[in-house]
Amino acid sequence: MEEVVLWVVLGAIAIAAAVFVAWVVLALVVRIFAWVLVLWAVTFGLGIAAGFLIGVVIPPGVLRGKATNKPKIVTPDDVVAGKVLGKAPRGPARNFGWDRAWPVYNPHQARHDANAVIARARAVVPAPFHWLFKQDLASVLAAVLFPPLLGFAIGAWISVLGWYCVMGVVGGAVYLGQQVAIAGYRSYDSLTRRRRKAILRCAQCYRTTFVPSYRCAGTTCTTVHHDVRPGPLGIVRRRCGCGTSIPATVGAAARHLATVCPFCLNDVPTGSGTRRVLPLPVIGSTGAGKTQFLSSGAVALRTKVLQLSGSLEPLSPVAESFLTDAAANLSARLHMAPTAWKNRPEGVPLLLTRGGRELELQLMDAAGEAFADWERARDLGYIDTADVLIFILDPLALPPVTDLLRVENKTGVVPIAMGDQESSYAAVVDRLRAEEVRIDAKRLAVVVTKVDVLRTLSQTEAFDPADGETIRLWLRANGADGFVRRIAQDFKNVSFFAVDSFGPRESFDPLHPLHVFDWAITTTDRRLSVLPPPAAVLPA
């Protein structure tokens, strides 16, 4: 019995000792595990902090080009190839494609920079894990290192993705602001020019446009920028592919760059496209006096504008030569040489400036041979878009007047227009009708020339050169009745003038060609008129 009790006691002691040992071991394990948990928590937090800092460093490193993951650089060649902004722009430059220029940073380059940052994060964050699993380490050490590495990855991605999201939001806001700025700045530039009725009229190819092209200002660059308006290639300024910075509006570009016609790619006068243009095309037979009329009128206009503290300046070498020759011939009382026939004669651009206003006059003088038939007149495309037409009519070529010249033996005094003058008129007007050009919207000036010779004929009826109605009636009474009636049917707004383009006359003389020029100018802007109203020049 005593032995049984002894074994029971010993068993109880053994169990108690085992429980105690187990409890101590368990407590020790729990204590160790607690320290491990603390260690994991601390190292996990430190890993997050380290990863967060790495995530802060990655973006600037990539953007500065210091990282191995380089962002793709969007180049002007990519823009031209349609890889950035699409295949072709909308608007006037759609037939030319995108200009060779750098796109605005946001969003085009910013997108590639952001993608490079993400690519760098993908390369940096998994690297410690790759190192860990490649080493022959004990599982305990691996377990110890895993939490901080996991924290590092989480912290890095939180930082990088946070940067990515912030940049996305900021970039989106900036993009919206850019679109508002582009629309506002472009509208301001366009409305300013439309208010002035500004347009580019090429004096060489006769085409018109509201959006000129410009040559790059770079000394060795040959790029022609076909649409410099605010857009994805620049809002205030644009950077050409050669690195040269140029203005990003038509108004500013016209002041600093060489202007180019976008159709024929020839240089046009500086400032073209930012001011109103008044083409003055003259129509008439060979020898009718077209060149003499334009020369006399242009020289007189320049003199008169200077008296009014304004200016009339040539805008091209052709215009400068024209004014020089005209002034010299008129001063020496010599007739101007007939205009040589060309399929597409170049216009004479002159800049009229007065009282802070500008108007570009384009004198369009074609040889009489150009009005021989439809086919030749078809090349004179400037007539289609001109608001004013000037028909030069030689009264000496009218049959009754020609007979008087023979009777009074004055046929050799001046050259007489050759051919049928009405046919010259018809070559233009009938073509315009056939091509459905609105003739009724144009103004026509019928200018009777060589009145100085006409007045020497003793048997001709007199007319008042200041009264267009008397000129019209005189034409009807002297062999041009049908012609005058046809003109009235073709045009709703017709004015008749009589001029002496050779003799010296005062500007207020109604026979002075300056009156026709002033009439044409006032159809565009009355404030640029250089002559007083008729009542103001009548004698007291």
Protein backbone atom coordinates (compact mmCIF):
# COMPACT_ATOMS: atom_id res chain seq x y z
CA MET A 1 0.00 0.00 0.00
CA GLU A 2 2.78 2.37 0.90
CA GLU A 3 4.48 1.60 -2.38
CA VAL A 4 1.34 2.54 -4.32
CA VAL A 5 1.06 5.85 -2.54
CA LEU A 6 4.72 6.51 -3.20
CA TRP A 7 4.30 5.90 -6.94
CA VAL A 8 1.26 8.13 -7.02
CA VAL A 9 3.16 10.90 -5.32
CA LEU A 10 6.13 10.48 -7.61
CA GLY A 11 3.83 10.45 -10.63
CA ALA A 12 2.11 13.60 -9.44
CA ILE A 13 5.47 15.24 -8.93
CA ALA A 14 6.60 14.15 -12.39
CA ILE A 15 3.45 15.46 -14.02
CA ALA A 16 3.74 18.72 -12.15
CA ALA A 17 7.36 19.02 -13.15
CA ALA A 18 6.49 18.25 -16.78
CA VAL A 19 3.69 20.77 -16.75
CA PHE A 20 5.99 23.32 -15.21
CA VAL A 21 8.71 22.66 -17.75
CA ALA A 22 6.17 22.78 -20.57
CA TRP A 23 4.79 26.00 -19.21
CA VAL A 24 8.27 27.50 -18.93
CA VAL A 25 9.12 26.35 -22.46
CA LEU A 26 5.81 27.68 -23.74
CA ALA A 27 6.35 30.97 -21.96
CA LEU A 28 9.84 31.15 -23.39
CA VAL A 29 8.55 30.34 -26.89
CA VAL A 30 5.82 32.94 -26.53
CA ARG A 31 8.35 35.44 -25.25
CA ILE A 32 10.67 34.66 -28.17
CA PHE A 33 7.79 34.83 -30.62
CA ALA A 34 6.72 38.13 -29.11
CA TRP A 35 10.21 39.50 -29.66
CA VAL A 36 10.13 38.10 -33.17
CA LEU A 37 6.80 39.79 -33.77
CA VAL A 38 8.19 43.02 -32.42
CA LEU A 39 11.27 42.57 -34.58
CA TRP A 40 9.09 41.85 -37.61
CA ALA A 41 6.90 44.84 -36.88
CA VAL A 42 9.88 47.14 -36.40
CA THR A 43 11.74 45.87 -39.47
CA PHE A 44 8.49 45.92 -41.47
CA GLY A 45 7.99 49.56 -40.50
CA LEU A 46 11.60 50.37 -41.26
CA GLY A 47 11.17 48.58 -44.61
CA ILE A 48 8.11 50.68 -45.41
CA ALA A 49 10.02 53.84 -44.52
CA ALA A 50 13.00 52.79 -46.61
CA GLY A 51 10.75 51.82 -49.51
CA PHE A 52 8.88 55.09 -49.24
CA LEU A 53 12.15 57.02 -49.41
CA ILE A 54 13.28 54.95 -52.37
CA GLY A 55 9.95 55.69 -54.05
CA VAL A 56 10.60 59.38 -53.52
CA VAL A 57 14.06 59.12 -55.07
CA ILE A 58 13.08 57.03 -58.11
CA PRO A 59 11.04 59.68 -60.06
CA PRO A 60 13.64 62.50 -60.01
CA GLY A 61 16.39 60.01 -60.77
CA VAL A 62 14.54 58.76 -63.82
CA LEU A 63 13.56 62.25 -64.98
CA ARG A 64 17.14 63.47 -64.64
CA GLY A 65 18.36 60.53 -66.71
CA LYS A 66 20.40 59.08 -63.83
CA ALA A 67 18.59 55.73 -63.78
CA THR A 68 19.15 52.79 -66.06
CA ASN A 69 15.51 52.96 -67.18
CA LYS A 70 15.50 55.91 -69.58
CA PRO A 71 12.19 57.46 -70.67
CA LYS A 72 11.43 57.44 -74.40
CA ILE A 73 12.07 60.93 -75.75
CA VAL A 74 9.31 62.22 -78.02
CA THR A 75 11.13 63.91 -80.91
CA PRO A 76 9.98 66.26 -83.69
CA ASP A 77 10.51 63.41 -86.13
CA ASP A 78 7.99 61.34 -84.14
CA VAL A 79 5.55 64.24 -84.43
CA VAL A 80 6.02 64.42 -88.21
CA ALA A 81 5.62 60.64 -88.48
CA GLY A 82 2.24 60.85 -86.74
CA LYS A 83 3.36 58.81 -83.71
CA VAL A 84 2.52 61.53 -81.18
CA LEU A 85 -0.40 63.66 -82.32
CA GLY A 86 -1.97 61.42 -84.93
CA LYS A 87 -1.58 61.17 -88.66
CA ALA A 88 -2.60 64.69 -89.68
CA PRO A 89 -3.79 67.89 -88.02
CA ARG A 90 -7.16 69.43 -88.62
CA GLY A 91 -7.60 72.82 -90.20
CA PRO A 92 -5.48 74.68 -92.79
CA ALA A 93 -2.40 72.49 -92.26
CA ARG A 94 -4.17 69.17 -92.85
CA ASN A 95 -2.52 68.79 -96.26
CA PHE A 96 0.96 69.48 -94.89
CA GLY A 97 0.98 67.22 -91.84
CA TRP A 98 2.43 68.17 -88.47
CA ASP A 99 5.25 70.68 -88.32
CA ARG A 100 8.69 69.48 -87.30
CA ALA A 101 8.62 70.85 -83.77
CA TRP A 102 8.73 69.64 -80.18
CA PRO A 103 5.33 68.92 -78.62
CA VAL A 104 4.36 70.49 -75.31
CA TYR A 105 5.63 68.46 -72.34
CA ASN A 106 2.24 67.66 -70.87
CA PRO A 107 0.81 65.20 -71.75
CA HIS A 108 2.97 63.92 -74.60
CA GLN A 109 6.42 63.59 -72.99
CA ALA A 110 4.97 63.39 -69.47
CA ARG A 111 3.27 60.11 -70.34
CA HIS A 112 6.56 58.47 -71.33
CA ASP A 113 8.33 59.87 -68.24
CA ALA A 114 5.66 58.40 -65.96
CA ASN A 115 5.91 55.03 -67.68
CA ALA A 116 9.69 55.08 -67.23
CA VAL A 117 9.24 55.72 -63.48
CA ILE A 118 6.92 52.71 -63.20
CA ALA A 119 9.38 50.59 -65.15
CA ARG A 120 12.17 51.67 -62.81
CA ALA A 121 10.06 50.77 -59.77
CA ARG A 122 9.38 47.34 -61.22
CA ALA A 123 13.11 46.84 -61.59
CA VAL A 124 14.11 48.16 -58.15
CA VAL A 125 11.44 46.73 -55.83
CA PRO A 126 11.79 42.97 -56.64
CA ALA A 127 15.59 43.10 -56.58
CA PRO A 128 16.03 42.31 -52.83
CA PHE A 129 13.67 39.35 -53.13
CA HIS A 130 15.65 38.01 -56.05
CA TRP A 131 18.82 38.37 -54.00
CA LEU A 132 17.25 36.66 -50.97
CA PHE A 133 16.07 33.58 -52.82
CA LYS A 134 19.32 33.19 -54.70
CA GLN A 135 21.34 32.93 -51.45
CA ASP A 136 21.92 29.67 -49.50
CA LEU A 137 20.48 31.01 -46.28
CA ALA A 138 18.79 29.28 -43.38
CA SER A 139 15.06 29.47 -43.34
CA VAL A 140 15.19 31.38 -40.04
CA LEU A 141 17.31 34.14 -41.59
CA ALA A 142 15.01 34.24 -44.59
CA ALA A 143 12.02 34.58 -42.28
CA VAL A 144 13.75 37.42 -40.46
CA LEU A 145 14.56 39.31 -43.70
CA PHE A 146 11.23 38.78 -45.41
CA PRO A 147 9.12 41.26 -43.37
CA PRO A 148 11.40 44.29 -43.97
CA LEU A 149 11.67 43.37 -47.63
CA LEU A 150 7.89 43.13 -47.84
CA GLY A 151 7.60 46.50 -46.08
CA PHE A 152 10.18 47.91 -48.46
CA ALA A 153 8.12 46.75 -51.46
CA ILE A 154 4.87 48.07 -50.03
CA GLY A 155 6.41 51.42 -49.09
CA ALA A 156 8.10 51.83 -52.45
CA TRP A 157 4.95 51.06 -54.42
CA ILE A 158 2.83 53.31 -52.18
CA SER A 159 5.29 56.13 -52.79
CA VAL A 160 5.66 55.56 -56.55
CA LEU A 161 1.97 54.97 -57.21
CA GLY A 162 1.12 57.95 -55.02
CA TRP A 163 3.47 60.07 -57.13
CA TYR A 164 1.94 58.59 -60.28
CA CYS A 165 -1.61 59.41 -59.14
CA VAL A 166 -0.71 62.93 -58.02
CA MET A 167 1.07 63.58 -61.29
CA GLY A 168 -1.95 62.18 -63.14
CA VAL A 169 -4.31 64.53 -61.32
CA VAL A 170 -1.99 67.50 -61.65
CA GLY A 171 -1.26 66.64 -65.27
CA GLY A 172 -4.97 66.35 -66.02
CA ALA A 173 -5.64 69.73 -64.42
CA VAL A 174 -2.73 71.25 -66.33
CA TYR A 175 -4.01 69.68 -69.54
CA LEU A 176 -7.45 71.19 -69.04
CA GLY A 177 -5.82 74.55 -68.35
CA GLN A 178 -3.76 74.16 -71.51
CA GLN A 179 -6.85 73.48 -73.58
CA VAL A 180 -8.56 76.57 -72.17
CA ALA A 181 -5.44 78.64 -72.84
CA ILE A 182 -5.12 77.28 -76.38
CA ALA A 183 -8.76 77.97 -77.18
CA GLY A 184 -8.62 81.45 -75.65
CA TYR A 185 -5.29 82.51 -77.15
CA ARG A 186 -6.13 81.08 -80.56
CA SER A 187 -9.56 82.75 -80.53
CA TYR A 188 -8.04 86.07 -79.53
CA ASP A 189 -5.49 85.90 -82.35
CA SER A 190 -8.10 84.81 -84.89
CA LEU A 191 -10.76 87.33 -83.84
CA THR A 192 -8.23 90.16 -83.84
CA ARG A 193 -7.27 89.40 -87.42
CA ARG A 194 -10.84 88.80 -88.54
CA ARG A 195 -11.89 92.11 -87.01
CA ARG A 196 -9.26 93.74 -89.21
CA LYS A 197 -10.43 91.51 -92.10
CA ALA A 198 -6.82 90.43 -92.37
CA ILE A 199 -5.90 87.92 -95.05
CA LEU A 200 -2.90 86.75 -97.03
CA ARG A 201 -3.29 87.25 -100.78
CA CYS A 202 -0.30 85.90 -102.65
CA ALA A 203 0.69 88.27 -105.44
CA GLN A 204 2.35 85.37 -107.29
CA CYS A 205 -0.04 82.41 -107.15
CA TYR A 206 -3.16 84.52 -106.30
CA ARG A 207 -4.34 82.12 -103.56
CA THR A 208 -5.76 83.41 -100.29
CA THR A 209 -5.55 82.11 -96.72
CA PHE A 210 -6.13 83.23 -93.14
CA VAL A 211 -3.23 81.09 -91.86
CA PRO A 212 0.14 81.96 -93.46
CA SER A 213 3.23 79.78 -93.22
CA TYR A 214 6.53 80.94 -91.74
CA ARG A 215 10.17 80.05 -92.17
CA CYS A 216 12.07 79.05 -89.05
CA ALA A 217 14.34 81.78 -87.69
CA GLY A 218 17.24 79.33 -87.31
CA THR A 219 20.15 80.38 -89.51
CA THR A 220 20.70 76.89 -90.92
CA CYS A 221 17.14 75.55 -90.58
CA THR A 222 14.97 75.14 -93.68
CA THR A 223 11.77 74.16 -91.87
CA VAL A 224 8.56 75.90 -92.94
CA HIS A 225 5.96 75.99 -90.17
CA HIS A 226 2.55 75.81 -91.79
CA ASP A 227 0.40 76.43 -88.72
CA VAL A 228 1.93 78.44 -85.88
CA ARG A 229 -1.33 78.94 -84.03
CA PRO A 230 -1.47 77.83 -80.36
CA GLY A 231 -1.87 74.07 -80.09
CA PRO A 232 -0.12 70.86 -79.02
CA LEU A 233 3.19 72.13 -80.43
CA GLY A 234 3.20 75.26 -78.32
CA ILE A 235 0.83 77.68 -76.64
CA VAL A 236 2.80 80.94 -76.40
CA ARG A 237 5.98 79.85 -78.15
CA ARG A 238 6.99 76.83 -80.20
CA ARG A 239 10.36 75.09 -80.32
CA CYS A 240 11.36 74.04 -83.82
CA GLY A 241 13.10 70.73 -84.36
CA CYS A 242 16.37 72.67 -84.74
CA GLY A 243 15.91 74.09 -81.23
CA THR A 244 14.93 77.63 -82.25
CA SER A 245 12.07 79.16 -80.29
CA ILE A 246 9.47 80.95 -82.40
CA PRO A 247 6.17 82.72 -81.58
CA ALA A 248 3.04 80.59 -81.52
CA THR A 249 0.51 83.04 -82.97
CA VAL A 250 0.08 84.48 -86.46
CA GLY A 251 0.18 88.03 -85.13
CA ALA A 252 3.48 87.55 -83.29
CA ALA A 253 5.09 85.35 -85.96
CA ALA A 254 4.38 87.97 -88.65
CA ARG A 255 6.55 90.47 -86.77
CA HIS A 256 9.57 88.21 -86.34
CA LEU A 257 9.59 85.56 -89.08
CA ALA A 258 9.69 85.46 -92.86
CA THR A 259 6.16 84.90 -94.13
CA VAL A 260 5.57 82.23 -96.78
CA CYS A 261 2.60 81.51 -99.01
CA PRO A 262 1.48 78.00 -97.97
CA PHE A 263 0.45 77.15 -101.54
CA CYS A 264 3.43 78.17 -103.71
CA LEU A 265 5.96 78.41 -100.82
CA ASN A 266 7.24 81.75 -102.10
CA ASP A 267 8.11 84.50 -99.65
CA VAL A 268 5.43 87.16 -99.31
CA PRO A 269 5.67 90.67 -97.78
CA THR A 270 6.35 90.91 -94.07
CA GLY A 271 3.13 91.17 -92.10
CA SER A 272 1.01 89.39 -94.70
CA GLY A 273 -1.96 87.74 -93.07
CA THR A 274 -2.26 90.37 -90.32
CA ARG A 275 -3.75 93.21 -92.36
CA ARG A 276 -6.51 93.81 -94.86
CA VAL A 277 -5.64 93.51 -98.54
CA LEU A 278 -7.27 95.39 -101.40
CA PRO A 279 -6.43 93.94 -104.81
CA LEU A 280 -6.88 96.41 -107.65
CA PRO A 281 -7.08 94.37 -110.86
CA VAL A 282 -7.32 96.34 -114.11
CA ILE A 283 -9.01 94.86 -117.17
CA GLY A 284 -8.78 96.14 -120.70
CA SER A 285 -7.47 95.70 -124.22
CA THR A 286 -3.89 96.15 -125.30
CA GLY A 287 -3.09 99.87 -125.47
CA ALA A 288 -6.12 100.97 -123.42
CA GLY A 289 -3.86 102.70 -120.90
CA LYS A 290 -3.94 100.29 -117.96
CA THR A 291 -0.28 100.61 -116.96
CA GLN A 292 -0.28 104.38 -117.42
CA PHE A 293 -3.36 104.67 -115.21
CA LEU A 294 -1.90 102.51 -112.42
CA SER A 295 1.46 104.29 -112.55
CA SER A 296 0.00 107.78 -112.42
CA GLY A 297 -2.47 106.85 -109.70
CA ALA A 298 0.12 105.10 -107.50
CA VAL A 299 2.62 107.97 -107.68
CA ALA A 300 -0.12 110.53 -106.94
CA LEU A 301 -1.43 108.41 -104.06
CA ARG A 302 2.02 108.24 -102.51
CA THR A 303 2.45 112.01 -102.77
CA LYS A 304 -0.98 112.69 -101.30
CA VAL A 305 -0.58 110.26 -98.41
CA LEU A 306 2.76 111.83 -97.48
CA GLN A 307 1.03 115.21 -97.32
CA LEU A 308 -1.45 113.67 -94.88
CA SER A 309 1.38 112.37 -92.62
CA GLY A 310 0.95 108.83 -93.88
CA SER A 311 3.01 106.60 -96.15
CA LEU A 312 2.77 104.33 -99.17
CA GLU A 313 5.67 101.92 -99.24
CA PRO A 314 6.55 99.10 -101.66
CA LEU A 315 6.52 95.65 -100.11
CA SER A 316 8.53 93.74 -102.70
CA PRO A 317 11.34 94.35 -105.20
CA VAL A 318 8.75 94.32 -108.00
CA ALA A 319 6.75 97.04 -106.23
CA GLU A 320 9.84 99.12 -105.53
CA SER A 321 10.90 98.95 -109.18
CA PHE A 322 7.36 99.81 -110.29
CA LEU A 323 7.17 102.96 -108.16
CA THR A 324 10.66 104.09 -109.15
CA ASP A 325 10.02 103.69 -112.87
CA ALA A 326 6.58 105.28 -112.62
CA ALA A 327 7.89 108.36 -110.79
CA ALA A 328 10.77 108.75 -113.26
CA ASN A 329 8.56 108.46 -116.36
CA LEU A 330 5.91 110.83 -115.04
CA SER A 331 8.55 113.36 -114.02
CA ALA A 332 10.07 113.20 -117.53
CA ARG A 333 6.57 113.21 -119.11
CA LEU A 334 7.20 109.86 -120.77
CA HIS A 335 4.59 107.20 -121.40
CA MET A 336 4.96 103.96 -119.46
CA ALA A 337 6.10 100.97 -121.50
CA PRO A 338 3.32 98.46 -122.25
CA THR A 339 3.13 95.55 -119.84
CA ALA A 340 4.87 92.46 -121.16
CA TRP A 341 2.56 89.49 -121.51
CA LYS A 342 2.89 86.75 -118.90
CA ASN A 343 0.57 83.89 -118.04
CA ARG A 344 0.67 84.81 -114.36
CA PRO A 345 1.93 88.37 -113.82
CA GLU A 346 3.17 89.19 -110.35
CA GLY A 347 1.20 91.76 -108.39
CA VAL A 348 2.57 95.03 -107.03
CA PRO A 349 2.02 95.11 -103.23
CA LEU A 350 2.02 98.56 -101.58
CA LEU A 351 1.43 99.26 -97.89
CA LEU A 352 -0.81 102.27 -97.22
CA THR A 353 -0.47 103.55 -93.67
CA ARG A 354 -2.40 106.44 -92.26
CA GLY A 355 -3.64 107.34 -88.79
CA GLY A 356 -2.48 104.04 -87.31
CA ARG A 357 -4.38 102.03 -89.94
CA GLU A 358 -2.87 99.79 -92.56
CA LEU A 359 -4.13 98.58 -95.92
CA GLU A 360 -2.17 96.52 -98.41
CA LEU A 361 -2.90 97.51 -101.99
CA GLN A 362 -2.08 94.98 -104.68
CA LEU A 363 -1.96 96.50 -108.14
CA MET A 364 -2.66 93.68 -110.59
CA ASP A 365 -1.69 94.69 -114.10
CA ALA A 366 -1.94 92.07 -116.85
CA ALA A 367 -1.11 92.69 -120.47
CA GLY A 368 -4.06 93.18 -122.82
CA GLU A 369 -3.26 89.85 -124.48
CA ALA A 370 -4.36 88.13 -121.24
CA PHE A 371 -7.94 89.24 -121.95
CA ALA A 372 -8.07 87.92 -125.49
CA ASP A 373 -10.15 84.86 -124.53
CA TRP A 374 -11.38 82.70 -121.66
CA GLU A 375 -8.39 80.41 -121.58
CA ARG A 376 -5.88 83.19 -121.06
CA ALA A 377 -8.08 85.03 -118.58
CA ARG A 378 -8.49 81.80 -116.59
CA ASP A 379 -4.91 82.14 -115.32
CA LEU A 380 -5.75 85.47 -113.64
CA GLY A 381 -7.18 83.89 -110.51
CA TYR A 382 -6.87 87.11 -108.51
CA ILE A 383 -9.94 88.46 -110.34
CA ASP A 384 -12.10 85.73 -108.80
CA THR A 385 -11.46 86.87 -105.23
CA ALA A 386 -11.20 90.63 -105.81
CA ASP A 387 -14.05 92.76 -104.45
CA VAL A 388 -13.27 95.62 -106.85
CA LEU A 389 -12.64 95.44 -110.61
CA ILE A 390 -11.40 98.32 -112.75
CA PHE A 391 -12.19 98.23 -116.45
CA ILE A 392 -10.05 100.60 -118.52
CA LEU A 393 -11.92 101.80 -121.59
CA ASP A 394 -10.18 103.73 -124.36
CA PRO A 395 -12.71 106.19 -125.83
CA LEU A 396 -10.48 106.73 -128.85
CA ALA A 397 -11.15 103.13 -129.90
CA LEU A 398 -14.92 103.69 -130.10
CA PRO A 399 -15.85 103.79 -133.83
CA PRO A 400 -17.37 107.34 -133.86
CA VAL A 401 -14.36 108.78 -132.01
CA THR A 402 -11.89 106.88 -134.19
CA ASP A 403 -13.54 108.43 -137.25
CA LEU A 404 -13.12 111.91 -135.74
CA LEU A 405 -9.44 111.22 -135.12
CA ARG A 406 -9.01 110.43 -138.79
CA VAL A 407 -10.97 113.48 -139.89
CA GLU A 408 -8.91 115.78 -137.70
CA ASN A 409 -5.67 113.97 -138.55
CA LYS A 410 -4.84 113.02 -134.92
CA THR A 411 -4.58 109.26 -135.22
CA GLY A 412 -0.88 109.20 -134.26
CA VAL A 413 -1.11 111.31 -131.11
CA VAL A 414 -1.33 108.33 -128.74
CA PRO A 415 -1.66 104.58 -129.20
CA ILE A 416 -5.24 103.36 -129.50
CA ALA A 417 -6.57 100.21 -127.87
CA MET A 418 -6.43 97.20 -130.17
CA GLY A 419 -9.17 94.64 -130.59
CA ASP A 420 -12.72 94.62 -129.35
CA GLN A 421 -12.86 96.17 -125.88
CA GLU A 422 -16.14 94.46 -125.07
CA SER A 423 -14.47 91.11 -125.81
CA SER A 424 -11.81 91.91 -123.18
CA TYR A 425 -14.58 92.56 -120.70
CA ALA A 426 -16.45 89.42 -121.70
CA ALA A 427 -13.33 87.23 -121.38
CA VAL A 428 -13.37 88.00 -117.68
CA VAL A 429 -17.05 88.36 -116.82
CA ASP A 430 -18.31 85.39 -118.83
CA ARG A 431 -15.65 83.20 -117.27
CA LEU A 432 -16.65 84.34 -113.80
CA ARG A 433 -20.26 83.48 -114.56
CA ALA A 434 -19.32 80.08 -115.94
CA GLU A 435 -17.37 79.30 -112.77
CA GLU A 436 -20.27 80.51 -110.61
CA VAL A 437 -18.39 83.39 -109.06
CA ARG A 438 -20.79 85.95 -107.56
CA ILE A 439 -20.45 88.96 -109.84
CA ASP A 440 -23.23 90.92 -108.16
CA ALA A 441 -21.12 91.07 -104.98
CA LYS A 442 -18.30 92.90 -106.77
CA ARG A 443 -17.93 96.59 -107.54
CA LEU A 444 -16.93 97.74 -111.01
CA ALA A 445 -15.25 100.98 -111.98
CA VAL A 446 -15.45 101.88 -115.68
CA VAL A 447 -12.55 104.26 -116.28
CA VAL A 448 -12.52 106.26 -119.52
CA THR A 449 -8.89 107.15 -120.24
CA LYS A 450 -7.05 109.55 -122.57
CA VAL A 451 -9.53 112.35 -121.92
CA ASP A 452 -6.77 114.90 -122.62
CA VAL A 453 -6.71 113.73 -126.27
CA LEU A 454 -10.49 113.35 -126.39
CA ARG A 455 -10.97 117.00 -125.44
CA THR A 456 -8.84 118.14 -128.38
CA LEU A 457 -11.47 116.83 -130.82
CA SER A 458 -13.71 119.69 -131.84
CA GLN A 459 -16.80 117.64 -132.68
CA THR A 460 -17.12 115.53 -129.54
CA GLU A 461 -19.78 116.17 -126.98
CA ALA A 462 -18.60 117.37 -123.58
CA PHE A 463 -19.28 115.52 -120.35
CA ASP A 464 -18.68 116.36 -116.71
CA PRO A 465 -15.81 114.19 -115.40
CA ALA A 466 -17.10 114.69 -111.86
CA ASP A 467 -20.50 113.23 -112.78
CA GLY A 468 -20.44 109.52 -113.56
CA GLU A 469 -23.93 109.66 -115.04
CA THR A 470 -22.85 112.09 -117.78
CA ILE A 471 -19.90 109.80 -118.59
CA ARG A 472 -22.26 106.84 -118.90
CA LEU A 473 -24.61 108.79 -121.19
CA TRP A 474 -21.67 109.94 -123.31
CA LEU A 475 -20.55 106.32 -123.79
CA ARG A 476 -24.05 105.29 -124.82
CA ALA A 477 -24.16 108.13 -127.33
CA ASN A 478 -20.78 107.24 -128.84
CA GLY A 479 -21.04 103.63 -129.88
CA ALA A 480 -21.00 101.83 -126.50
CA ASP A 481 -24.76 101.71 -125.83
CA GLY A 482 -25.03 97.93 -125.86
CA PHE A 483 -21.85 97.57 -123.86
CA VAL A 484 -23.06 99.94 -121.14
CA ARG A 485 -26.40 98.13 -120.91
CA ARG A 486 -24.61 94.80 -120.55
CA ILE A 487 -22.45 96.17 -117.74
CA ALA A 488 -25.60 97.32 -115.92
CA GLN A 489 -27.03 93.79 -116.22
CA ASP A 490 -23.84 92.15 -114.93
CA PHE A 491 -23.04 94.39 -111.97
CA LYS A 492 -25.29 95.95 -109.36
CA ASN A 493 -22.71 98.54 -108.32
CA VAL A 494 -21.02 100.38 -111.20
CA SER A 495 -19.18 103.71 -111.07
CA PHE A 496 -18.00 105.68 -114.11
CA PHE A 497 -14.83 107.79 -114.15
CA ALA A 498 -12.94 109.82 -116.73
CA VAL A 499 -9.20 110.35 -116.27
CA ASP A 500 -6.14 111.91 -117.78
CA SER A 501 -3.27 109.68 -116.68
CA PHE A 502 -0.53 111.64 -118.46
CA GLY A 503 -0.89 115.36 -117.89
CA PRO A 504 -0.07 117.11 -114.60
CA ARG A 505 -3.19 117.85 -112.58
CA GLU A 506 -4.11 118.84 -109.05
CA SER A 507 -5.42 116.04 -106.88
CA PHE A 508 -8.86 117.64 -106.56
CA ASP A 509 -9.25 117.70 -110.37
CA PRO A 510 -11.92 115.07 -111.19
CA LEU A 511 -9.79 113.90 -114.12
CA HIS A 512 -6.99 112.84 -111.79
CA PRO A 513 -6.57 109.02 -111.54
CA LEU A 514 -6.28 109.49 -107.79
CA HIS A 515 -10.08 109.72 -107.63
CA VAL A 516 -10.41 106.12 -108.83
CA PHE A 517 -7.86 104.94 -106.26
CA ASP A 518 -9.65 106.83 -103.50
CA TRP A 519 -12.98 105.32 -104.58
CA ALA A 520 -11.50 101.82 -104.35
CA ILE A 521 -9.93 102.53 -100.95
CA THR A 522 -13.15 103.91 -99.49
CA THR A 523 -15.03 100.76 -100.53
CA THR A 524 -12.75 99.01 -98.04
CA ASP A 525 -12.27 101.63 -95.28
CA ARG A 526 -13.66 105.16 -95.53
CA ARG A 527 -11.29 106.32 -92.83
CA LEU A 528 -8.36 105.82 -95.22
CA SER A 529 -9.78 108.19 -97.82
CA VAL A 530 -7.14 110.64 -99.09
CA LEU A 531 -9.50 113.07 -100.84
CA PRO A 532 -12.11 115.36 -99.27
CA PRO A 533 -15.78 114.96 -100.21
CA PRO A 534 -16.65 116.54 -103.59
CA ALA A 535 -18.56 119.43 -101.99
CA ALA A 536 -15.44 120.43 -100.05
CA VAL A 537 -13.40 121.14 -103.20
CA LEU A 538 -15.96 123.24 -105.04
CA PRO A 539 -14.96 126.91 -105.43
CA ALA A 540 -16.57 129.31 -102.97
